[in-house]
Amino acid sequence: MKIAIIDDANQDIGLKILFPEADYFIDFIQYPQYRKYSHSKYNIQPIYNYKTTNFHKINNTNYDVLFIIFSLHNIYPFFNSIGQQI
């Protein structure tokens, strides 16, 4: 079974630790320096710039399972603005 993990902001490596065989896609622009230690410790080699160079590879032909890591605190300003409009 082929697994893809999209962690846009590189916020949580937990799924990659649970599924070490999975492909781990992150956005290189949001690559914090402190993640280098974690990636080194768990031998994680992310696939960078997936939005521009590898996005077409993430599909149902290449992967059986897709996990998308999305932190809710990133969307709070969006929902807060909707609440103000209602």
N, C-alpha and C. Protein backbone atom coordinates (compact mmCIF):
# COMPACT_ATOMS: atom_id res chain seq x y z
N MET A 1 0.85 -1.17 0.00
CA MET A 1 0.00 0.00 0.00
C MET A 1 0.90 1.23 0.00
N LYS A 2 0.65 2.13 -0.93
CA LYS A 2 1.44 3.35 -1.07
C LYS A 2 0.72 4.51 -0.37
N ILE A 3 1.45 5.22 0.49
CA ILE A 3 0.86 6.28 1.32
C ILE A 3 1.55 7.61 1.01
N ALA A 4 0.76 8.67 0.91
CA ALA A 4 1.27 10.03 0.76
C ALA A 4 0.79 10.86 1.94
N ILE A 5 1.69 11.69 2.45
CA ILE A 5 1.36 12.61 3.54
C ILE A 5 1.68 14.02 3.07
N ILE A 6 0.69 14.89 3.11
CA ILE A 6 0.91 16.30 2.80
C ILE A 6 0.86 17.07 4.11
N ASP A 7 1.97 17.67 4.44
CA ASP A 7 2.08 18.49 5.66
C ASP A 7 2.57 19.86 5.21
N ASP A 8 1.66 20.67 4.73
CA ASP A 8 2.01 21.93 4.06
C ASP A 8 2.94 22.81 4.87
N ALA A 9 2.65 22.98 6.15
CA ALA A 9 3.46 23.86 6.98
C ALA A 9 4.51 23.10 7.79
N ASN A 10 4.68 21.82 7.52
CA ASN A 10 5.68 21.00 8.21
C ASN A 10 5.48 21.08 9.72
N GLN A 11 4.25 20.84 10.15
CA GLN A 11 3.90 21.02 11.55
C GLN A 11 3.92 19.76 12.38
N ASP A 12 3.73 18.60 11.74
CA ASP A 12 3.61 17.38 12.54
C ASP A 12 4.19 16.19 11.78
N ILE A 13 5.27 15.63 12.31
CA ILE A 13 5.91 14.50 11.65
C ILE A 13 5.39 13.16 12.18
N GLY A 14 4.38 13.19 13.02
CA GLY A 14 3.87 11.98 13.66
C GLY A 14 3.43 10.90 12.70
N LEU A 15 2.70 11.27 11.65
CA LEU A 15 2.26 10.27 10.68
C LEU A 15 3.44 9.67 9.92
N LYS A 16 4.44 10.46 9.65
CA LYS A 16 5.62 9.95 8.96
C LYS A 16 6.38 8.96 9.86
N ILE A 17 6.37 9.20 11.16
CA ILE A 17 6.99 8.27 12.08
C ILE A 17 6.20 6.97 12.12
N LEU A 18 4.86 7.06 12.12
CA LEU A 18 4.01 5.86 12.12
C LEU A 18 4.09 5.09 10.81
N PHE A 19 4.24 5.81 9.71
CA PHE A 19 4.31 5.19 8.38
C PHE A 19 5.62 5.59 7.71
N PRO A 20 6.73 5.00 8.12
CA PRO A 20 8.03 5.43 7.58
C PRO A 20 8.17 5.21 6.07
N GLU A 21 7.37 4.32 5.50
CA GLU A 21 7.46 4.06 4.07
C GLU A 21 6.70 5.10 3.24
N ALA A 22 5.94 5.97 3.88
CA ALA A 22 5.13 6.96 3.18
C ALA A 22 6.00 8.07 2.58
N ASP A 23 5.50 8.65 1.50
CA ASP A 23 6.12 9.84 0.93
C ASP A 23 5.59 11.05 1.69
N TYR A 24 6.50 11.90 2.12
CA TYR A 24 6.16 13.04 2.99
C TYR A 24 6.40 14.33 2.23
N PHE A 25 5.32 15.02 1.86
CA PHE A 25 5.40 16.23 1.06
C PHE A 25 5.25 17.46 1.96
N ILE A 26 6.20 18.39 1.83
CA ILE A 26 6.10 19.66 2.55
C ILE A 26 6.41 20.80 1.59
N ASP A 27 6.06 22.00 2.03
CA ASP A 27 6.39 23.21 1.28
C ASP A 27 7.72 23.72 1.80
N PHE A 28 8.72 23.77 0.96
CA PHE A 28 10.07 24.15 1.39
C PHE A 28 10.12 25.54 2.00
N ILE A 29 9.27 26.42 1.54
CA ILE A 29 9.28 27.80 2.03
C ILE A 29 9.02 27.84 3.54
N GLN A 30 8.20 26.93 4.02
CA GLN A 30 7.84 26.92 5.44
C GLN A 30 8.62 25.83 6.19
N TYR A 31 9.91 25.74 5.93
CA TYR A 31 10.72 24.70 6.55
C TYR A 31 11.49 25.28 7.73
N PRO A 32 10.96 25.15 8.95
CA PRO A 32 11.65 25.72 10.11
C PRO A 32 12.96 24.98 10.40
N GLN A 33 13.92 25.72 10.87
CA GLN A 33 15.24 25.15 11.16
C GLN A 33 15.18 24.07 12.24
N TYR A 34 14.29 24.20 13.22
CA TYR A 34 14.25 23.22 14.30
C TYR A 34 13.77 21.85 13.82
N ARG A 35 13.15 21.78 12.63
CA ARG A 35 12.71 20.50 12.10
C ARG A 35 13.89 19.66 11.60
N LYS A 36 15.01 20.29 11.31
CA LYS A 36 16.16 19.54 10.82
C LYS A 36 16.57 18.46 11.80
N TYR A 37 16.53 18.77 13.10
CA TYR A 37 16.89 17.78 14.12
C TYR A 37 15.92 16.60 14.10
N SER A 38 14.63 16.89 14.07
CA SER A 38 13.61 15.83 14.07
C SER A 38 13.73 14.97 12.82
N HIS A 39 13.91 15.60 11.68
CA HIS A 39 14.02 14.85 10.45
C HIS A 39 15.27 13.97 10.45
N SER A 40 16.33 14.49 11.02
CA SER A 40 17.57 13.72 11.12
C SER A 40 17.40 12.54 12.08
N LYS A 41 16.79 12.78 13.21
CA LYS A 41 16.61 11.73 14.22
C LYS A 41 15.78 10.56 13.70
N TYR A 42 14.73 10.84 12.96
CA TYR A 42 13.83 9.80 12.47
C TYR A 42 14.08 9.44 11.00
N ASN A 43 15.18 9.94 10.45
CA ASN A 43 15.57 9.66 9.07
C ASN A 43 14.44 9.99 8.08
N ILE A 44 13.87 11.16 8.24
CA ILE A 44 12.79 11.64 7.38
C ILE A 44 13.40 12.48 6.26
N GLN A 45 13.08 12.13 5.04
CA GLN A 45 13.55 12.89 3.89
C GLN A 45 12.33 13.41 3.13
N PRO A 46 11.90 14.64 3.47
CA PRO A 46 10.69 15.19 2.84
C PRO A 46 10.89 15.45 1.35
N ILE A 47 9.78 15.48 0.65
CA ILE A 47 9.76 15.90 -0.75
C ILE A 47 9.34 17.35 -0.75
N TYR A 48 10.26 18.24 -1.11
CA TYR A 48 10.04 19.68 -1.02
C TYR A 48 9.29 20.22 -2.24
N ASN A 49 8.74 21.41 -2.05
CA ASN A 49 8.10 22.16 -3.14
C ASN A 49 7.06 21.34 -3.89
N TYR A 50 6.27 20.58 -3.15
CA TYR A 50 5.30 19.72 -3.82
C TYR A 50 4.27 20.52 -4.62
N LYS A 51 4.02 21.76 -4.23
CA LYS A 51 3.00 22.56 -4.93
C LYS A 51 3.43 22.90 -6.35
N THR A 52 4.72 23.07 -6.56
CA THR A 52 5.18 23.50 -7.88
C THR A 52 5.81 22.39 -8.69
N THR A 53 6.44 21.41 -8.04
CA THR A 53 7.17 20.41 -8.81
C THR A 53 6.61 19.00 -8.72
N ASN A 54 5.92 18.67 -7.65
CA ASN A 54 5.48 17.29 -7.45
C ASN A 54 3.98 17.12 -7.30
N PHE A 55 3.20 18.19 -7.45
CA PHE A 55 1.77 18.12 -7.19
C PHE A 55 1.07 17.11 -8.11
N HIS A 56 1.49 17.04 -9.34
CA HIS A 56 0.87 16.12 -10.31
C HIS A 56 1.10 14.65 -9.95
N LYS A 57 2.09 14.38 -9.11
CA LYS A 57 2.39 12.99 -8.72
C LYS A 57 1.48 12.47 -7.62
N ILE A 58 0.77 13.38 -6.94
CA ILE A 58 -0.12 12.97 -5.85
C ILE A 58 -1.50 12.71 -6.44
N ASN A 59 -1.75 11.44 -6.76
CA ASN A 59 -3.03 11.07 -7.35
C ASN A 59 -3.35 9.62 -7.00
N ASN A 60 -4.52 9.17 -7.41
CA ASN A 60 -4.96 7.82 -7.03
C ASN A 60 -4.25 6.72 -7.81
N THR A 61 -3.52 7.07 -8.84
CA THR A 61 -2.72 6.09 -9.55
C THR A 61 -1.45 5.76 -8.77
N ASN A 62 -0.86 6.77 -8.17
CA ASN A 62 0.41 6.59 -7.45
C ASN A 62 0.25 6.25 -5.98
N TYR A 63 -0.89 6.59 -5.38
CA TYR A 63 -1.08 6.39 -3.93
C TYR A 63 -2.43 5.77 -3.63
N ASP A 64 -2.43 4.90 -2.62
CA ASP A 64 -3.67 4.28 -2.15
C ASP A 64 -4.31 5.09 -1.03
N VAL A 65 -3.48 5.76 -0.23
CA VAL A 65 -3.96 6.51 0.93
C VAL A 65 -3.31 7.88 0.93
N LEU A 66 -4.10 8.90 1.24
CA LEU A 66 -3.60 10.27 1.33
C LEU A 66 -3.98 10.85 2.69
N PHE A 67 -2.98 11.30 3.43
CA PHE A 67 -3.21 12.03 4.68
C PHE A 67 -2.85 13.48 4.42
N ILE A 68 -3.72 14.38 4.88
CA ILE A 68 -3.44 15.81 4.80
C ILE A 68 -3.43 16.36 6.21
N ILE A 69 -2.29 16.89 6.62
CA ILE A 69 -2.15 17.47 7.95
C ILE A 69 -2.50 18.94 7.83
N PHE A 70 -3.53 19.33 8.57
CA PHE A 70 -4.03 20.69 8.48
C PHE A 70 -4.31 21.19 9.88
N SER A 71 -3.57 22.14 10.33
CA SER A 71 -3.73 22.65 11.68
C SER A 71 -4.87 23.66 11.75
N LEU A 72 -5.75 23.47 12.69
CA LEU A 72 -6.91 24.35 12.80
C LEU A 72 -6.55 25.77 13.22
N HIS A 73 -5.44 25.93 13.92
CA HIS A 73 -5.10 27.30 14.32
C HIS A 73 -4.72 28.15 13.11
N ASN A 74 -4.38 27.54 11.99
CA ASN A 74 -4.09 28.30 10.78
C ASN A 74 -5.35 28.84 10.12
N ILE A 75 -6.47 28.20 10.36
CA ILE A 75 -7.71 28.63 9.71
C ILE A 75 -8.55 29.55 10.61
N TYR A 76 -8.17 29.76 11.84
CA TYR A 76 -8.95 30.58 12.76
C TYR A 76 -9.26 31.97 12.19
N PRO A 77 -8.29 32.69 11.62
CA PRO A 77 -8.65 34.01 11.07
C PRO A 77 -9.72 33.94 9.99
N PHE A 78 -9.73 32.87 9.20
CA PHE A 78 -10.74 32.71 8.16
C PHE A 78 -12.13 32.55 8.78
N PHE A 79 -12.27 31.64 9.74
CA PHE A 79 -13.57 31.43 10.38
C PHE A 79 -13.98 32.64 11.21
N ASN A 80 -13.04 33.29 11.81
CA ASN A 80 -13.35 34.49 12.59
C ASN A 80 -13.93 35.57 11.67
N SER A 81 -13.39 35.71 10.47
CA SER A 81 -13.90 36.72 9.54
C SER A 81 -15.30 36.34 9.05
N ILE A 82 -15.56 35.04 8.86
CA ILE A 82 -16.91 34.62 8.45
C ILE A 82 -17.91 34.92 9.56
N GLY A 83 -17.54 34.64 10.80
CA GLY A 83 -18.43 34.91 11.93
C GLY A 83 -18.78 36.38 12.06
N GLN A 84 -17.85 37.23 11.73
CA GLN A 84 -18.11 38.67 11.80
C GLN A 84 -19.06 39.13 10.70
N GLN A 85 -19.10 38.38 9.58
CA GLN A 85 -19.95 38.80 8.47
C GLN A 85 -21.40 38.35 8.67
N ILE A 86 -21.62 37.34 9.49
CA ILE A 86 -22.98 36.81 9.67
C ILE A 86 -23.80 37.70 10.57
